[in-house]
Amino acid sequence: MSRAPSSQFRVIACDTFESPTADELVGDFPTLDEAIAAARKNLAPMTAVYVYDDTGQCRFHDYMPSEL
């Protein structure tokens, strides 16, 4: 699931509150910048987001802890 199609970047959002974690495919994007923007849009409390390239390498990740 983490490997994007050729010449694309895949965004995965993980709800870390669920047990086990619930992964959601946000989408595939033609540029790294578009993928990072989509990942940031999907940040929510207790959620981690990841951007993978077409080799399966993680190119970006972020995590939002629970609300204070």
Protein backbone atom coordinates (compact mmCIF):
# COMPACT_ATOMS: atom_id res chain seq x y z
CA MET A 1 0.00 0.00 0.00
CA SER A 2 2.89 2.39 0.61
CA ARG A 3 4.40 2.19 -2.87
CA ALA A 4 3.03 4.81 -5.28
CA PRO A 5 2.41 4.17 -8.99
CA SER A 6 5.25 5.08 -11.34
CA SER A 7 6.18 8.80 -11.21
CA GLN A 8 3.61 9.48 -8.47
CA PHE A 9 3.61 10.19 -4.73
CA ARG A 10 1.17 8.37 -2.42
CA VAL A 11 -0.35 9.90 0.72
CA ILE A 12 -1.41 7.61 3.57
CA ALA A 13 -3.17 8.85 6.73
CA CYS A 14 -3.06 6.68 9.87
CA ASP A 15 -5.55 7.11 12.68
CA THR A 16 -3.39 6.22 15.68
CA PHE A 17 -6.35 6.29 18.07
CA GLU A 18 -7.90 3.16 16.54
CA SER A 19 -6.62 -0.20 17.70
CA PRO A 20 -5.08 -1.50 15.55
CA THR A 21 -4.28 1.68 13.62
CA ALA A 22 -6.58 2.47 10.71
CA ASP A 23 -4.75 3.37 7.49
CA GLU A 24 -6.46 5.36 4.76
CA LEU A 25 -5.23 5.98 1.23
CA VAL A 26 -5.64 9.73 0.72
CA GLY A 27 -4.54 9.59 -2.92
CA ASP A 28 -1.75 9.59 -5.49
CA PHE A 29 -0.28 12.89 -6.69
CA PRO A 30 1.99 13.87 -9.60
CA THR A 31 4.37 16.04 -7.53
CA LEU A 32 5.91 15.84 -4.09
CA ASP A 33 4.67 19.35 -3.26
CA GLU A 34 1.05 18.41 -4.06
CA ALA A 35 1.36 15.23 -2.00
CA ILE A 36 2.77 17.09 1.01
CA ALA A 37 -0.02 19.69 0.77
CA ALA A 38 -2.62 16.91 0.72
CA ALA A 39 -0.93 15.18 3.66
CA ARG A 40 -0.97 18.37 5.72
CA LYS A 41 -4.67 18.88 4.91
CA ASN A 42 -5.40 15.45 6.38
CA LEU A 43 -3.66 16.04 9.71
CA ALA A 44 -6.05 15.74 12.64
CA PRO A 45 -5.60 14.93 16.32
CA MET A 46 -4.08 11.47 16.80
CA THR A 47 -3.30 11.16 13.08
CA ALA A 48 -0.02 10.51 11.29
CA VAL A 49 0.46 11.20 7.57
CA TYR A 50 3.07 9.76 5.23
CA VAL A 51 4.12 10.48 1.64
CA TYR A 52 5.78 7.65 -0.29
CA ASP A 53 7.42 7.71 -3.70
CA ASP A 54 7.23 5.04 -6.42
CA THR A 55 10.13 3.13 -4.85
CA GLY A 56 8.29 2.84 -1.53
CA GLN A 57 10.60 5.33 0.22
CA CYS A 58 8.96 7.65 2.75
CA ARG A 59 9.58 11.21 1.56
CA PHE A 60 7.57 13.08 4.23
CA HIS A 61 5.82 12.34 7.51
CA ASP A 62 4.09 14.32 10.22
CA TYR A 63 2.01 13.57 13.29
CA MET A 64 -0.54 15.55 15.26
CA PRO A 65 -0.86 14.50 18.91
CA SER A 66 -4.15 14.63 20.74
CA GLU A 67 -5.73 18.00 21.42
CA LEU A 68 -4.49 19.67 24.58
